[in-house]
Amino acid sequence: MSFDPMAAAVDWLDAYRDGDIEIILAMYADDAVVHCGCGGMKTISGRRGLREYWVDRMKNYPASRLDNLQPTADATIISYVSRDGIVSAILTFNASGKIAALSCGPSN
């Protein structure tokens, strides 16, 4: 069975909306990096950093409905509605199907 990055992006958003931090963290590669432009640019890495980031995101910036989903040559762009508006997230996956990088910020 092959890996489907579009389905993985939807699973990521579902876990975010459900507030399931363990599912979210399990989706990330050990060396994953997050570049977040929501509320000021920040870069997060490491398991502890990712956990702290996601605890904050789920508490203070919950996601609601899917806005848009698009594949690119090497990533998946998923946009969703949060309390502050639409957020666009670019998920890049490694060969094992884990999230290697997340870049997110307010959608223009």
Protein backbone atom coordinates (compact mmCIF):
# COMPACT_ATOMS: atom_id res chain seq x y z
CA MET A 1 0.00 0.00 0.00
CA SER A 2 1.36 3.43 -0.91
CA PHE A 3 1.44 6.55 1.23
CA ASP A 4 -1.20 9.21 0.50
CA PRO A 5 0.00 12.67 1.61
CA MET A 6 -3.46 14.19 1.03
CA ALA A 7 -5.08 11.65 3.39
CA ALA A 8 -2.27 12.19 5.91
CA ALA A 9 -2.89 15.95 5.84
CA VAL A 10 -6.59 15.39 6.53
CA ASP A 11 -5.69 12.99 9.36
CA TRP A 12 -3.39 15.70 10.76
CA LEU A 13 -6.21 18.26 10.71
CA ASP A 14 -8.65 15.77 12.25
CA ALA A 15 -6.23 15.09 15.14
CA TYR A 16 -5.72 18.85 15.58
CA ARG A 17 -9.47 19.50 15.67
CA ASP A 18 -9.96 16.62 18.11
CA GLY A 19 -7.21 17.96 20.37
CA ASP A 20 -5.37 14.63 20.21
CA ILE A 21 -1.79 15.63 20.93
CA GLU A 22 -0.47 12.06 20.97
CA ILE A 23 -1.76 11.37 17.44
CA ILE A 24 -0.34 14.69 16.21
CA LEU A 25 3.09 14.03 17.75
CA ALA A 26 3.17 10.49 16.35
CA MET A 27 2.77 11.95 12.86
CA TYR A 28 6.06 13.89 13.08
CA ALA A 29 9.52 12.55 12.25
CA ASP A 30 12.06 12.67 15.08
CA ASP A 31 13.96 15.46 13.31
CA ALA A 32 10.88 17.43 12.19
CA VAL A 33 10.92 21.22 12.14
CA VAL A 34 7.97 23.59 12.41
CA HIS A 35 8.16 27.13 11.03
CA CYS A 36 5.11 28.98 12.35
CA GLY A 37 4.18 32.50 11.33
CA CYS A 38 1.06 32.67 13.48
CA GLY A 39 1.49 35.43 16.07
CA GLY A 40 5.12 36.08 15.07
CA MET A 41 7.64 33.85 13.33
CA LYS A 42 9.00 30.96 15.36
CA THR A 43 10.90 27.76 14.62
CA ILE A 44 10.24 24.66 16.71
CA SER A 45 12.10 21.36 16.77
CA GLY A 46 12.67 18.44 19.10
CA ARG A 47 10.03 16.35 20.81
CA ARG A 48 9.67 18.63 23.82
CA GLY A 49 9.43 21.72 21.61
CA LEU A 50 6.79 20.09 19.41
CA ARG A 51 4.76 19.02 22.44
CA GLU A 52 4.85 22.54 23.94
CA TYR A 53 3.94 24.05 20.57
CA TRP A 54 0.97 21.73 20.07
CA VAL A 55 -0.33 22.09 23.64
CA ASP A 56 -0.40 25.86 23.04
CA ARG A 57 -1.94 25.57 19.55
CA MET A 58 -4.72 23.27 20.70
CA LYS A 59 -5.54 25.38 23.73
CA ASN A 60 -5.25 28.88 22.27
CA TYR A 61 -5.68 28.40 18.51
CA PRO A 62 -8.07 25.49 17.92
CA ALA A 63 -8.79 24.49 14.35
CA SER A 64 -12.28 24.06 13.04
CA ARG A 65 -13.23 23.22 9.47
CA LEU A 66 -11.18 22.44 6.40
CA ASP A 67 -10.93 25.36 3.98
CA ASN A 68 -8.79 23.94 1.17
CA LEU A 69 -6.51 21.02 0.36
CA GLN A 70 -3.98 20.97 -2.50
CA PRO A 71 -1.10 18.72 -3.48
CA THR A 72 2.17 20.16 -4.75
CA ALA A 73 5.17 18.42 -6.26
CA ASP A 74 6.77 17.79 -2.85
CA ALA A 75 4.23 18.76 -0.18
CA THR A 76 0.56 19.12 0.70
CA ILE A 77 -1.04 22.49 1.41
CA ILE A 78 -3.95 22.38 3.80
CA SER A 79 -5.89 25.46 4.85
CA TYR A 80 -8.25 25.48 7.79
CA VAL A 81 -10.36 27.91 9.76
CA SER A 82 -9.19 28.93 13.23
CA ARG A 83 -10.61 31.56 15.55
CA ASP A 84 -8.24 34.15 14.06
CA GLY A 85 -9.10 33.38 10.44
CA ILE A 86 -7.80 31.01 7.79
CA VAL A 87 -4.42 29.38 8.36
CA SER A 88 -2.42 27.80 5.56
CA ALA A 89 -0.12 24.89 6.43
CA ILE A 90 2.42 23.26 4.14
CA LEU A 91 3.20 19.69 5.21
CA THR A 92 6.30 18.01 3.82
CA PHE A 93 6.61 14.28 4.42
CA ASN A 94 9.69 12.06 4.58
CA ALA A 95 10.06 8.70 2.83
CA SER A 96 8.48 6.95 5.86
CA GLY A 97 5.33 9.08 5.61
CA LYS A 98 6.13 11.16 8.70
CA ILE A 99 5.90 14.95 8.72
CA ALA A 100 9.43 16.25 8.14
CA ALA A 101 8.47 19.93 8.05
CA LEU A 102 5.45 22.11 8.72
CA SER A 103 5.33 25.73 7.58
CA CYS A 104 2.22 27.60 8.61
CA GLY A 105 0.81 31.06 8.92
CA PRO A 106 -2.18 33.23 8.19
CA SER A 107 -3.54 32.72 4.69
CA ASN A 108 -3.22 35.74 2.42
